[in-house]
């Protein structure tokens, strides 16, 4: 059967469409071709930028590290030179006490030393030596003692808030320092030793003492007591031999386990009472002058305020009829280690560092 003219015409019209379909199947889409052309340059640019960023970051870190090291080296050299220049006028080049400088210059050197190096050295004896130099003026002594109180405040601020650990079930101690106020009549001789007695029942935050040089037949020194922050120690403090001229007072402290508050913990670890005696001066500082008890608690007492702080003392800025001294009893954080001591319990150090 032969094809009709109509069939021939239809077949001829279908052949171009078939050829076009085959051509289309053998060729990629236009957007894919464009993506293939731009992919390599884009990836090259991304890798180059990432490499540049990493190189720049590493160089900045190295430069910062080098800058810090150079700064520390320069500061160390400067502090070493400064320390040598400040110590030489006081103790001399051979280590012997130098008498070539007057009290005024030695007072200035001592102030600069304690302000710049109090974290690393116990400068209390040096300050006391300069304070007691023959010919030392009252103005120099007041400046030395004022500088010492400033350094005490700095070091206490570094300590921060003590953490209460291993607190007993019946412990009622508060996380606060204890202020001790010593008061006496301004008519009392400055250089006489005065005895102090508790003026009113002390609480956990403050204690008030009345001091006098008058000898009484039935004079009994009354102490006050305070518990440690974890209630493992019961501290009994007695004050005597107050000297207003030197701003010194003798401290007698007895520590015993607080069996009522600590309960079974103290009974399981019995200890004999600990006795501590020292003379508190204006130059006792927290980093160097503190007492470590066998329980691991550490405390210190420091002079924070003295009145009258100026001469002459005129009201209302100053009360000329009363002398006032404020001491602070501080409980240290358990993880505190003075710069000149080595830790004895590395377990607590690891716990504090969360290792």
C-alpha atoms as a PDB file:
ATOM      1  CA  UNK A   1       0.000   0.000   0.000  1.00  0.00           C
ATOM      2  CA  UNK A   2       1.512   3.268  -1.055  1.00  0.00           C
ATOM      3  CA  UNK A   3       1.602   6.379   1.073  1.00  0.00           C
ATOM      4  CA  UNK A   4      -0.833   9.026   0.336  1.00  0.00           C
ATOM      5  CA  UNK A   5       0.315  12.596  -0.325  1.00  0.00           C
ATOM      6  CA  UNK A   6      -0.962  13.633   3.039  1.00  0.00           C
ATOM      7  CA  UNK A   7       1.209  11.017   4.822  1.00  0.00           C
ATOM      8  CA  UNK A   8       4.311  12.180   2.957  1.00  0.00           C
ATOM      9  CA  UNK A   9       3.716  15.774   3.956  1.00  0.00           C
ATOM     10  CA  UNK A  10       3.227  14.827   7.679  1.00  0.00           C
ATOM     11  CA  UNK A  11       6.418  12.729   7.744  1.00  0.00           C
ATOM     12  CA  UNK A  12       8.433  15.537   6.216  1.00  0.00           C
ATOM     13  CA  UNK A  13       7.110  17.992   8.837  1.00  0.00           C
ATOM     14  CA  UNK A  14       7.989  15.630  11.741  1.00  0.00           C
ATOM     15  CA  UNK A  15      11.655  15.111  10.713  1.00  0.00           C
ATOM     16  CA  UNK A  16      12.944  18.629  11.819  1.00  0.00           C
ATOM     17  CA  UNK A  17      11.338  18.258  15.246  1.00  0.00           C
ATOM     18  CA  UNK A  18      13.047  14.914  15.773  1.00  0.00           C
ATOM     19  CA  UNK A  19      16.419  16.326  14.697  1.00  0.00           C
ATOM     20  CA  UNK A  20      15.974  19.316  17.067  1.00  0.00           C
ATOM     21  CA  UNK A  21      15.099  16.961  19.980  1.00  0.00           C
ATOM     22  CA  UNK A  22      18.235  14.883  19.423  1.00  0.00           C
ATOM     23  CA  UNK A  23      20.381  18.050  19.309  1.00  0.00           C
ATOM     24  CA  UNK A  24      18.862  19.329  22.517  1.00  0.00           C
ATOM     25  CA  UNK A  25      19.549  16.064  24.357  1.00  0.00           C
ATOM     26  CA  UNK A  26      23.219  16.169  23.468  1.00  0.00           C
ATOM     27  CA  UNK A  27      23.767  19.746  24.757  1.00  0.00           C
ATOM     28  CA  UNK A  28      23.935  21.004  28.507  1.00  0.00           C
ATOM     29  CA  UNK A  29      21.657  23.752  29.792  1.00  0.00           C
ATOM     30  CA  UNK A  30      22.944  27.290  29.429  1.00  0.00           C
ATOM     31  CA  UNK A  31      23.036  28.049  33.203  1.00  0.00           C
ATOM     32  CA  UNK A  32      25.102  24.925  33.862  1.00  0.00           C
ATOM     33  CA  UNK A  33      27.660  26.004  31.301  1.00  0.00           C
ATOM     34  CA  UNK A  34      27.855  29.449  32.898  1.00  0.00           C
ATOM     35  CA  UNK A  35      28.265  27.952  36.391  1.00  0.00           C
ATOM     36  CA  UNK A  36      31.069  25.725  35.165  1.00  0.00           C
ATOM     37  CA  UNK A  37      32.914  28.697  33.698  1.00  0.00           C
ATOM     38  CA  UNK A  38      32.694  30.787  36.919  1.00  0.00           C
ATOM     39  CA  UNK A  39      33.204  27.980  39.494  1.00  0.00           C
ATOM     40  CA  UNK A  40      36.989  27.751  39.203  1.00  0.00           C
ATOM     41  CA  UNK A  41      37.700  31.513  39.527  1.00  0.00           C
ATOM     42  CA  UNK A  42      35.278  31.799  42.440  1.00  0.00           C
ATOM     43  CA  UNK A  43      36.812  28.867  44.301  1.00  0.00           C
ATOM     44  CA  UNK A  44      40.279  30.240  43.640  1.00  0.00           C
ATOM     45  CA  UNK A  45      39.253  33.618  45.055  1.00  0.00           C
ATOM     46  CA  UNK A  46      37.677  32.005  48.171  1.00  0.00           C
ATOM     47  CA  UNK A  47      40.784  29.933  48.865  1.00  0.00           C
ATOM     48  CA  UNK A  48      42.998  32.996  48.390  1.00  0.00           C
ATOM     49  CA  UNK A  49      40.869  35.090  50.762  1.00  0.00           C
ATOM     50  CA  UNK A  50      40.780  32.313  53.374  1.00  0.00           C
ATOM     51  CA  UNK A  51      44.545  31.925  53.154  1.00  0.00           C
ATOM     52  CA  UNK A  52      45.065  35.664  53.448  1.00  0.00           C
ATOM     53  CA  UNK A  53      42.749  35.827  56.486  1.00  0.00           C
ATOM     54  CA  UNK A  54      44.477  32.939  58.232  1.00  0.00           C
ATOM     55  CA  UNK A  55      47.897  34.382  57.527  1.00  0.00           C
ATOM     56  CA  UNK A  56      46.849  37.808  58.774  1.00  0.00           C
ATOM     57  CA  UNK A  57      45.304  36.315  61.939  1.00  0.00           C
ATOM     58  CA  UNK A  58      48.391  34.257  62.713  1.00  0.00           C
ATOM     59  CA  UNK A  59      50.660  37.260  62.141  1.00  0.00           C
ATOM     60  CA  UNK A  60      48.519  39.450  64.399  1.00  0.00           C
ATOM     61  CA  UNK A  61      48.617  36.843  67.154  1.00  0.00           C
ATOM     62  CA  UNK A  62      52.378  36.505  66.827  1.00  0.00           C
ATOM     63  CA  UNK A  63      52.818  40.280  66.813  1.00  0.00           C
ATOM     64  CA  UNK A  64      50.580  40.614  69.862  1.00  0.00           C
ATOM     65  CA  UNK A  65      52.516  37.885  71.661  1.00  0.00           C
ATOM     66  CA  UNK A  66      55.819  39.524  70.797  1.00  0.00           C
ATOM     67  CA  UNK A  67      54.519  42.917  71.904  1.00  0.00           C
ATOM     68  CA  UNK A  68      53.345  41.498  75.250  1.00  0.00           C
ATOM     69  CA  UNK A  69      56.682  39.747  75.796  1.00  0.00           C
ATOM     70  CA  UNK A  70      58.626  42.879  74.948  1.00  0.00           C
ATOM     71  CA  UNK A  71      56.402  44.947  77.216  1.00  0.00           C
ATOM     72  CA  UNK A  72      56.843  42.500  80.086  1.00  0.00           C
ATOM     73  CA  UNK A  73      60.596  42.462  79.584  1.00  0.00           C
ATOM     74  CA  UNK A  74      60.727  46.249  79.499  1.00  0.00           C
ATOM     75  CA  UNK A  75      58.512  46.507  82.570  1.00  0.00           C
ATOM     76  CA  UNK A  76      60.596  43.927  84.427  1.00  0.00           C
ATOM     77  CA  UNK A  77      63.772  45.809  83.574  1.00  0.00           C
ATOM     78  CA  UNK A  78      62.180  49.093  84.642  1.00  0.00           C
ATOM     79  CA  UNK A  79      60.904  47.645  87.938  1.00  0.00           C
ATOM     80  CA  UNK A  80      64.288  46.038  88.626  1.00  0.00           C
ATOM     81  CA  UNK A  81      66.074  49.317  88.055  1.00  0.00           C
ATOM     82  CA  UNK A  82      63.470  51.206  90.072  1.00  0.00           C
ATOM     83  CA  UNK A  83      63.678  48.749  92.950  1.00  0.00           C
ATOM     84  CA  UNK A  84      67.471  49.024  93.009  1.00  0.00           C
ATOM     85  CA  UNK A  85      67.335  52.821  92.992  1.00  0.00           C
ATOM     86  CA  UNK A  86      64.780  52.892  95.806  1.00  0.00           C
ATOM     87  CA  UNK A  87      66.441  50.280  98.019  1.00  0.00           C
ATOM     88  CA  UNK A  88      69.993  51.578  97.718  1.00  0.00           C
ATOM     89  CA  UNK A  89      69.356  54.854  99.618  1.00  0.00           C
ATOM     90  CA  UNK A  90      67.711  52.886 102.443  1.00  0.00           C
ATOM     91  CA  UNK A  91      69.916  49.809 102.919  1.00  0.00           C
ATOM     92  CA  UNK A  92      72.997  50.877 100.961  1.00  0.00           C
ATOM     93  CA  UNK A  93      74.833  49.024  98.200  1.00  0.00           C
ATOM     94  CA  UNK A  94      76.343  46.451 100.582  1.00  0.00           C
ATOM     95  CA  UNK A  95      73.129  45.580 102.429  1.00  0.00           C
ATOM     96  CA  UNK A  96      73.915  47.624 105.545  1.00  0.00           C
ATOM     97  CA  UNK A  97      71.554  50.315 106.732  1.00  0.00           C
ATOM     98  CA  UNK A  98      72.474  53.610 105.118  1.00  0.00           C
ATOM     99  CA  UNK A  99      72.703  56.716 107.252  1.00  0.00           C
ATOM    100  CA  UNK A 100      73.587  59.072 104.418  1.00  0.00           C
ATOM    101  CA  UNK A 101      70.011  60.077 103.649  1.00  0.00           C
ATOM    102  CA  UNK A 102      67.833  62.084 105.966  1.00  0.00           C
ATOM    103  CA  UNK A 103      64.457  60.950 107.338  1.00  0.00           C
ATOM    104  CA  UNK A 104      62.599  63.012 104.735  1.00  0.00           C
ATOM    105  CA  UNK A 105      64.269  61.265 101.778  1.00  0.00           C
ATOM    106  CA  UNK A 106      64.055  57.798 103.352  1.00  0.00           C
ATOM    107  CA  UNK A 107      60.366  58.356 104.038  1.00  0.00           C
ATOM    108  CA  UNK A 108      59.795  59.168 100.366  1.00  0.00           C
ATOM    109  CA  UNK A 109      61.762  56.083  99.251  1.00  0.00           C
ATOM    110  CA  UNK A 110      59.768  53.858 101.610  1.00  0.00           C
ATOM    111  CA  UNK A 111      56.465  55.219 100.297  1.00  0.00           C
ATOM    112  CA  UNK A 112      57.472  54.564  96.688  1.00  0.00           C
ATOM    113  CA  UNK A 113      58.638  51.059  97.588  1.00  0.00           C
ATOM    114  CA  UNK A 114      55.447  50.023  99.316  1.00  0.00           C
ATOM    115  CA  UNK A 115      53.217  51.495  96.609  1.00  0.00           C
ATOM    116  CA  UNK A 116      55.019  49.732  93.758  1.00  0.00           C
ATOM    117  CA  UNK A 117      56.252  46.467  95.280  1.00  0.00           C
ATOM    118  CA  UNK A 118      53.814  45.540  98.047  1.00  0.00           C
ATOM    119  CA  UNK A 119      52.644  42.427  96.123  1.00  0.00           C
ATOM    120  CA  UNK A 120      56.109  40.840  96.125  1.00  0.00           C
ATOM    121  CA  UNK A 121      57.850  41.820  99.367  1.00  0.00           C
ATOM    122  CA  UNK A 122      57.081  42.140 103.047  1.00  0.00           C
ATOM    123  CA  UNK A 123      57.907  45.818 103.470  1.00  0.00           C
ATOM    124  CA  UNK A 124      56.397  46.202 106.950  1.00  0.00           C
ATOM    125  CA  UNK A 125      59.746  46.028 108.806  1.00  0.00           C
ATOM    126  CA  UNK A 126      61.257  48.611 106.463  1.00  0.00           C
ATOM    127  CA  UNK A 127      58.311  50.947 106.925  1.00  0.00           C
ATOM    128  CA  UNK A 128      58.534  50.520 110.700  1.00  0.00           C
ATOM    129  CA  UNK A 129      62.257  51.247 110.626  1.00  0.00           C
ATOM    130  CA  UNK A 130      61.733  54.486 108.677  1.00  0.00           C
ATOM    131  CA  UNK A 131      58.838  55.417 110.985  1.00  0.00           C
ATOM    132  CA  UNK A 132      61.073  55.105 114.072  1.00  0.00           C
ATOM    133  CA  UNK A 133      64.102  56.926 112.641  1.00  0.00           C
ATOM    134  CA  UNK A 134      65.530  59.616 114.966  1.00  0.00           C
ATOM    135  CA  UNK A 135      64.361  63.005 113.812  1.00  0.00           C
ATOM    136  CA  UNK A 136      61.425  61.634 111.864  1.00  0.00           C
ATOM    137  CA  UNK A 137      58.656  64.219 111.652  1.00  0.00           C
ATOM    138  CA  UNK A 138      55.018  63.690 112.524  1.00  0.00           C
ATOM    139  CA  UNK A 139      54.000  64.655 108.991  1.00  0.00           C
ATOM    140  CA  UNK A 140      56.217  61.932 107.520  1.00  0.00           C
ATOM    141  CA  UNK A 141      54.826  59.344 109.934  1.00  0.00           C
ATOM    142  CA  UNK A 142      51.269  60.293 109.047  1.00  0.00           C
ATOM    143  CA  UNK A 143      52.035  59.948 105.329  1.00  0.00           C
ATOM    144  CA  UNK A 144      53.678  56.561 105.840  1.00  0.00           C
ATOM    145  CA  UNK A 145      50.711  55.274 107.831  1.00  0.00           C
ATOM    146  CA  UNK A 146      48.222  56.689 105.343  1.00  0.00           C
ATOM    147  CA  UNK A 147      50.044  54.955 102.465  1.00  0.00           C
ATOM    148  CA  UNK A 148      49.994  51.711 104.432  1.00  0.00           C
ATOM    149  CA  UNK A 149      46.210  51.915 104.947  1.00  0.00           C
ATOM    150  CA  UNK A 150      45.781  52.538 101.216  1.00  0.00           C
ATOM    151  CA  UNK A 151      47.835  49.438 100.373  1.00  0.00           C
ATOM    152  CA  UNK A 152      45.816  47.396 102.884  1.00  0.00           C
ATOM    153  CA  UNK A 153      42.621  48.416 101.095  1.00  0.00           C
ATOM    154  CA  UNK A 154      44.139  47.452  97.725  1.00  0.00           C
ATOM    155  CA  UNK A 155      45.181  44.008  98.905  1.00  0.00           C
ATOM    156  CA  UNK A 156      41.848  43.313 100.577  1.00  0.00           C
ATOM    157  CA  UNK A 157      40.058  44.307  97.367  1.00  0.00           C
ATOM    158  CA  UNK A 158      42.144  41.766  95.440  1.00  0.00           C
ATOM    159  CA  UNK A 159      41.110  39.019  97.846  1.00  0.00           C
ATOM    160  CA  UNK A 160      37.460  39.447  96.905  1.00  0.00           C
ATOM    161  CA  UNK A 161      34.577  37.826  98.747  1.00  0.00           C
ATOM    162  CA  UNK A 162      35.483  34.673 100.683  1.00  0.00           C
ATOM    163  CA  UNK A 163      33.657  31.511  99.727  1.00  0.00           C
ATOM    164  CA  UNK A 164      31.928  29.519 102.441  1.00  0.00           C
ATOM    165  CA  UNK A 165      32.813  25.847 102.167  1.00  0.00           C
ATOM    166  CA  UNK A 166      32.148  22.827 104.345  1.00  0.00           C
ATOM    167  CA  UNK A 167      29.641  24.826 106.315  1.00  0.00           C
ATOM    168  CA  UNK A 168      28.196  22.977 109.297  1.00  0.00           C
ATOM    169  CA  UNK A 169      24.497  22.267 109.620  1.00  0.00           C
ATOM    170  CA  UNK A 170      24.153  24.552 112.637  1.00  0.00           C
ATOM    171  CA  UNK A 171      26.594  27.206 111.427  1.00  0.00           C
ATOM    172  CA  UNK A 172      25.274  30.733 111.897  1.00  0.00           C
ATOM    173  CA  UNK A 173      28.361  32.700 110.870  1.00  0.00           C
ATOM    174  CA  UNK A 174      27.827  35.480 108.349  1.00  0.00           C
ATOM    175  CA  UNK A 175      30.001  36.167 105.328  1.00  0.00           C
ATOM    176  CA  UNK A 176      31.284  39.491 106.575  1.00  0.00           C
ATOM    177  CA  UNK A 177      34.370  41.058 108.083  1.00  0.00           C
ATOM    178  CA  UNK A 178      34.376  42.120 111.722  1.00  0.00           C
ATOM    179  CA  UNK A 179      35.066  45.748 112.660  1.00  0.00           C
ATOM    180  CA  UNK A 180      36.814  46.344 115.987  1.00  0.00           C
ATOM    181  CA  UNK A 181      36.529  49.863 117.378  1.00  0.00           C
ATOM    182  CA  UNK A 182      39.003  51.092 120.034  1.00  0.00           C
ATOM    183  CA  UNK A 183      38.097  54.319 121.804  1.00  0.00           C
ATOM    184  CA  UNK A 184      39.765  56.350 124.530  1.00  0.00           C
ATOM    185  CA  UNK A 185      39.757  59.838 126.015  1.00  0.00           C
ATOM    186  CA  UNK A 186      41.894  62.343 124.127  1.00  0.00           C
ATOM    187  CA  UNK A 187      43.295  63.585 127.462  1.00  0.00           C
ATOM    188  CA  UNK A 188      45.088  60.283 127.996  1.00  0.00           C
ATOM    189  CA  UNK A 189      48.879  60.446 127.385  1.00  0.00           C
ATOM    190  CA  UNK A 190      49.768  59.423 123.835  1.00  0.00           C
ATOM    191  CA  UNK A 191      52.761  57.268 124.762  1.00  0.00           C
ATOM    192  CA  UNK A 192      51.169  55.389 127.666  1.00  0.00           C
ATOM    193  CA  UNK A 193      50.079  51.776 127.292  1.00  0.00           C
ATOM    194  CA  UNK A 194      46.338  51.376 127.631  1.00  0.00           C
ATOM    195  CA  UNK A 195      44.240  48.334 128.466  1.00  0.00           C
ATOM    196  CA  UNK A 196      41.021  47.696 126.554  1.00  0.00           C
ATOM    197  CA  UNK A 197      37.758  46.213 127.745  1.00  0.00           C
ATOM    198  CA  UNK A 198      34.634  45.371 125.767  1.00  0.00           C
ATOM    199  CA  UNK A 199      32.229  48.297 126.029  1.00  0.00           C
ATOM    200  CA  UNK A 200      29.119  46.408 124.945  1.00  0.00           C
ATOM    201  CA  UNK A 201      28.243  42.858 123.905  1.00  0.00           C
ATOM    202  CA  UNK A 202      29.861  42.180 120.552  1.00  0.00           C
ATOM    203  CA  UNK A 203      27.940  40.813 117.598  1.00  0.00           C
ATOM    204  CA  UNK A 204      29.122  39.041 114.464  1.00  0.00           C
ATOM    205  CA  UNK A 205      29.861  42.323 112.650  1.00  0.00           C
ATOM    206  CA  UNK A 206      31.438  44.694 115.191  1.00  0.00           C
ATOM    207  CA  UNK A 207      32.970  44.993 118.648  1.00  0.00           C
ATOM    208  CA  UNK A 208      33.571  48.139 120.721  1.00  0.00           C
ATOM    209  CA  UNK A 209      36.382  48.524 123.248  1.00  0.00           C
ATOM    210  CA  UNK A 210      36.988  51.282 125.781  1.00  0.00           C
ATOM    211  CA  UNK A 211      40.689  51.792 126.456  1.00  0.00           C
ATOM    212  CA  UNK A 212      42.355  53.589 129.335  1.00  0.00           C
ATOM    213  CA  UNK A 213      45.764  53.863 130.980  1.00  0.00           C
ATOM    214  CA  UNK A 214      44.177  54.086 134.434  1.00  0.00           C
ATOM    215  CA  UNK A 215      45.005  51.016 136.475  1.00  0.00           C
ATOM    216  CA  UNK A 216      42.009  49.439 138.161  1.00  0.00           C
ATOM    217  CA  UNK A 217      42.344  46.961 141.013  1.00  0.00           C
ATOM    218  CA  UNK A 218      39.866  44.512 139.506  1.00  0.00           C
ATOM    219  CA  UNK A 219      40.734  45.120 135.897  1.00  0.00           C
ATOM    220  CA  UNK A 220      39.983  42.020 133.839  1.00  0.00           C
ATOM    221  CA  UNK A 221      40.672  42.030 130.124  1.00  0.00           C
ATOM    222  CA  UNK A 222      37.440  41.051 128.408  1.00  0.00           C
ATOM    223  CA  UNK A 223      37.815  39.294 125.049  1.00  0.00           C
ATOM    224  CA  UNK A 224      35.299  38.888 122.280  1.00  0.00           C
ATOM    225  CA  UNK A 225      34.637  35.831 120.163  1.00  0.00           C
ATOM    226  CA  UNK A 226      33.922  35.301 116.485  1.00  0.00           C
ATOM    227  CA  UNK A 227      33.403  32.166 114.386  1.00  0.00           C
ATOM    228  CA  UNK A 228      35.062  31.376 111.079  1.00  0.00           C
ATOM    229  CA  UNK A 229      32.986  31.367 107.925  1.00  0.00           C
ATOM    230  CA  UNK A 230      32.714  27.575 107.928  1.00  0.00           C
ATOM    231  CA  UNK A 231      32.247  27.451 111.732  1.00  0.00           C
ATOM    232  CA  UNK A 232      35.215  25.125 112.145  1.00  0.00           C
ATOM    233  CA  UNK A 233      37.081  27.629 114.349  1.00  0.00           C
ATOM    234  CA  UNK A 234      35.940  29.644 117.329  1.00  0.00           C
ATOM    235  CA  UNK A 235      38.307  32.622 117.642  1.00  0.00           C
ATOM    236  CA  UNK A 236      38.656  34.447 120.960  1.00  0.00           C
ATOM    237  CA  UNK A 237      40.467  37.793 120.653  1.00  0.00           C
ATOM    238  CA  UNK A 238      41.875  39.918 123.454  1.00  0.00           C
ATOM    239  CA  UNK A 239      43.464  43.364 122.993  1.00  0.00           C
ATOM    240  CA  UNK A 240      45.995  45.054 125.277  1.00  0.00           C
ATOM    241  CA  UNK A 241      48.906  47.526 125.381  1.00  0.00           C
ATOM    242  CA  UNK A 242      47.327  50.066 123.068  1.00  0.00           C
ATOM    243  CA  UNK A 243      49.805  52.814 122.142  1.00  0.00           C
ATOM    244  CA  UNK A 244      48.327  55.817 120.366  1.00  0.00           C
ATOM    245  CA  UNK A 245      51.701  57.397 119.594  1.00  0.00           C
ATOM    246  CA  UNK A 246      52.827  54.383 117.542  1.00  0.00           C
ATOM    247  CA  UNK A 247      49.340  53.181 116.557  1.00  0.00           C
ATOM    248  CA  UNK A 248      50.132  49.711 117.884  1.00  0.00           C
ATOM    249  CA  UNK A 249      48.154  47.217 119.956  1.00  0.00           C
ATOM    250  CA  UNK A 250      48.950  43.744 121.267  1.00  0.00           C
ATOM    251  CA  UNK A 251      46.643  41.023 119.984  1.00  0.00           C
ATOM    252  CA  UNK A 252      46.132  37.702 121.733  1.00  0.00           C
ATOM    253  CA  UNK A 253      43.977  35.223 119.833  1.00  0.00           C
ATOM    254  CA  UNK A 254      42.968  31.703 120.813  1.00  0.00           C
ATOM    255  CA  UNK A 255      41.348  29.371 118.321  1.00  0.00           C
ATOM    256  CA  UNK A 256      39.491  26.213 119.318  1.00  0.00           C
ATOM    257  CA  UNK A 257      37.222  23.878 117.319  1.00  0.00           C
ATOM    258  CA  UNK A 258      33.611  25.010 117.439  1.00  0.00           C
ATOM    259  CA  UNK A 259      32.085  21.680 118.455  1.00  0.00           C
ATOM    260  CA  UNK A 260      28.563  23.029 118.891  1.00  0.00           C
ATOM    261  CA  UNK A 261      28.375  24.507 115.394  1.00  0.00           C
ATOM    262  CA  UNK A 262      30.499  22.061 113.437  1.00  0.00           C
ATOM    263  CA  UNK A 263      28.943  19.025 115.131  1.00  0.00           C
ATOM    264  CA  UNK A 264      30.443  15.694 114.180  1.00  0.00           C
ATOM    265  CA  UNK A 265      33.029  17.262 111.874  1.00  0.00           C
ATOM    266  CA  UNK A 266      34.896  18.813 114.825  1.00  0.00           C
ATOM    267  CA  UNK A 267      34.448  15.731 117.007  1.00  0.00           C
ATOM    268  CA  UNK A 268      35.985  13.564 114.297  1.00  0.00           C
ATOM    269  CA  UNK A 269      39.007  15.884 114.035  1.00  0.00           C
ATOM    270  CA  UNK A 270      39.828  17.044 117.591  1.00  0.00           C
ATOM    271  CA  UNK A 271      42.637  19.567 118.021  1.00  0.00           C
ATOM    272  CA  UNK A 272      44.094  21.449 120.931  1.00  0.00           C
ATOM    273  CA  UNK A 273      43.441  25.199 121.065  1.00  0.00           C
ATOM    274  CA  UNK A 274      45.846  27.322 119.028  1.00  0.00           C
ATOM    275  CA  UNK A 275      47.335  30.438 120.591  1.00  0.00           C
ATOM    276  CA  UNK A 276      48.568  33.392 118.531  1.00  0.00           C
ATOM    277  CA  UNK A 277      50.151  36.573 119.904  1.00  0.00           C
ATOM    278  CA  UNK A 278      51.505  39.505 117.938  1.00  0.00           C
ATOM    279  CA  UNK A 279      51.791  43.283 118.024  1.00  0.00           C
ATOM    280  CA  UNK A 280      49.644  44.897 115.381  1.00  0.00           C
ATOM    281  CA  UNK A 281      51.274  47.917 113.740  1.00  0.00           C
ATOM    282  CA  UNK A 282      50.058  50.293 111.014  1.00  0.00           C
ATOM    283  CA  UNK A 283      52.276  48.402 108.563  1.00  0.00           C
ATOM    284  CA  UNK A 284      50.698  44.953 108.878  1.00  0.00           C
ATOM    285  CA  UNK A 285      49.435  44.034 105.391  1.00  0.00           C
ATOM    286  CA  UNK A 286      47.187  41.163 104.252  1.00  0.00           C
ATOM    287  CA  UNK A 287      49.580  39.534 101.770  1.00  0.00           C
ATOM    288  CA  UNK A 288      52.322  39.157 104.386  1.00  0.00           C
ATOM    289  CA  UNK A 289      50.726  39.386 107.838  1.00  0.00           C
ATOM    290  CA  UNK A 290      48.118  36.672 108.268  1.00  0.00           C
ATOM    291  CA  UNK A 291      47.696  33.572 110.403  1.00  0.00           C
ATOM    292  CA  UNK A 292      47.006  30.093 109.044  1.00  0.00           C
ATOM    293  CA  UNK A 293      45.171  27.781 111.439  1.00  0.00           C
ATOM    294  CA  UNK A 294      45.398  23.985 111.428  1.00  0.00           C
ATOM    295  CA  UNK A 295      41.849  23.743 110.109  1.00  0.00           C
ATOM    296  CA  UNK A 296      42.941  25.506 106.908  1.00  0.00           C
ATOM    297  CA  UNK A 297      41.235  28.783 107.788  1.00  0.00           C
ATOM    298  CA  UNK A 298      43.315  31.940 107.567  1.00  0.00           C
ATOM    299  CA  UNK A 299      42.625  35.249 109.296  1.00  0.00           C
ATOM    300  CA  UNK A 300      44.261  38.609 109.777  1.00  0.00           C
ATOM    301  CA  UNK A 301      43.683  41.852 111.682  1.00  0.00           C
ATOM    302  CA  UNK A 302      44.529  45.189 110.091  1.00  0.00           C
ATOM    303  CA  UNK A 303      44.377  48.866 110.974  1.00  0.00           C
ATOM    304  CA  UNK A 304      41.878  50.587 108.669  1.00  0.00           C
ATOM    305  CA  UNK A 305      41.172  53.975 110.252  1.00  0.00           C
ATOM    306  CA  UNK A 306      42.645  56.285 112.884  1.00  0.00           C
ATOM    307  CA  UNK A 307      41.111  59.447 114.346  1.00  0.00           C
ATOM    308  CA  UNK A 308      42.010  62.204 114.748  1.00  0.00           C
ATOM    309  CA  UNK A 309      43.674  61.900 111.380  1.00  0.00           C
ATOM    310  CA  UNK A 310      44.852  65.502 111.279  1.00  0.00           C
ATOM    311  CA  UNK A 311      46.474  68.051 113.552  1.00  0.00           C
ATOM    312  CA  UNK A 312      45.117  70.294 114.846  1.00  0.00           C
ATOM    313  CA  UNK A 313      41.819  68.493 115.327  1.00  0.00           C
ATOM    314  CA  UNK A 314      38.940  70.943 114.972  1.00  0.00           C
ATOM    315  CA  UNK A 315      35.205  70.153 114.949  1.00  0.00           C
ATOM    316  CA  UNK A 316      32.999  69.334 113.138  1.00  0.00           C
ATOM    317  CA  UNK A 317      35.418  67.513 110.818  1.00  0.00           C
ATOM    318  CA  UNK A 318      37.221  66.030 113.804  1.00  0.00           C
ATOM    319  CA  UNK A 319      36.258  65.230 117.412  1.00  0.00           C
ATOM    320  CA  UNK A 320      39.048  66.590 119.650  1.00  0.00           C
ATOM    321  CA  UNK A 321      37.743  64.804 122.768  1.00  0.00           C
ATOM    322  CA  UNK A 322      38.011  61.184 121.588  1.00  0.00           C
ATOM    323  CA  UNK A 323      40.625  59.011 119.985  1.00  0.00           C
ATOM    324  CA  UNK A 324      39.355  56.293 117.680  1.00  0.00           C
ATOM    325  CA  UNK A 325      41.007  53.321 115.975  1.00  0.00           C
ATOM    326  CA  UNK A 326      39.183  50.911 113.673  1.00  0.00           C
ATOM    327  CA  UNK A 327      40.584  47.444 113.083  1.00  0.00           C
ATOM    328  CA  UNK A 328      39.215  44.838 110.687  1.00  0.00           C
ATOM    329  CA  UNK A 329      39.307  41.104 111.319  1.00  0.00           C
ATOM    330  CA  UNK A 330      39.352  39.400 107.926  1.00  0.00           C
ATOM    331  CA  UNK A 331      38.676  35.767 107.066  1.00  0.00           C
ATOM    332  CA  UNK A 332      40.570  34.855 103.905  1.00  0.00           C
ATOM    333  CA  UNK A 333      39.256  32.694 101.048  1.00  0.00           C
ATOM    334  CA  UNK A 334      40.321  29.098 101.544  1.00  0.00           C
ATOM    335  CA  UNK A 335      42.108  29.014  98.185  1.00  0.00           C
ATOM    336  CA  UNK A 336      44.258  32.061  99.041  1.00  0.00           C
ATOM    337  CA  UNK A 337      48.009  31.389  99.106  1.00  0.00           C
ATOM    338  CA  UNK A 338      50.358  34.275  99.969  1.00  0.00           C
ATOM    339  CA  UNK A 339      52.951  35.085  97.288  1.00  0.00           C
ATOM    340  CA  UNK A 340      55.771  33.886  99.574  1.00  0.00           C
ATOM    341  CA  UNK A 341      54.204  30.532 100.541  1.00  0.00           C
ATOM    342  CA  UNK A 342      53.890  27.226  98.743  1.00  0.00           C
ATOM    343  CA  UNK A 343      50.620  25.278  98.770  1.00  0.00           C
ATOM    344  CA  UNK A 344      50.440  22.246 101.050  1.00  0.00           C
ATOM    345  CA  UNK A 345      47.161  20.796  99.766  1.00  0.00           C
ATOM    346  CA  UNK A 346      47.315  20.499  95.990  1.00  0.00           C
ATOM    347  CA  UNK A 347      43.862  18.885  95.934  1.00  0.00           C
ATOM    348  CA  UNK A 348      42.237  22.147  96.982  1.00  0.00           C
ATOM    349  CA  UNK A 349      44.333  24.032  94.410  1.00  0.00           C
ATOM    350  CA  UNK A 350      43.119  21.722  91.643  1.00  0.00           C
ATOM    351  CA  UNK A 351      39.527  22.119  92.823  1.00  0.00           C
ATOM    352  CA  UNK A 352      39.883  25.913  92.847  1.00  0.00           C
ATOM    353  CA  UNK A 353      41.298  25.849  89.309  1.00  0.00           C
ATOM    354  CA  UNK A 354      38.605  23.317  88.245  1.00  0.00           C
ATOM    355  CA  UNK A 355      41.201  20.883  86.924  1.00  0.00           C
END
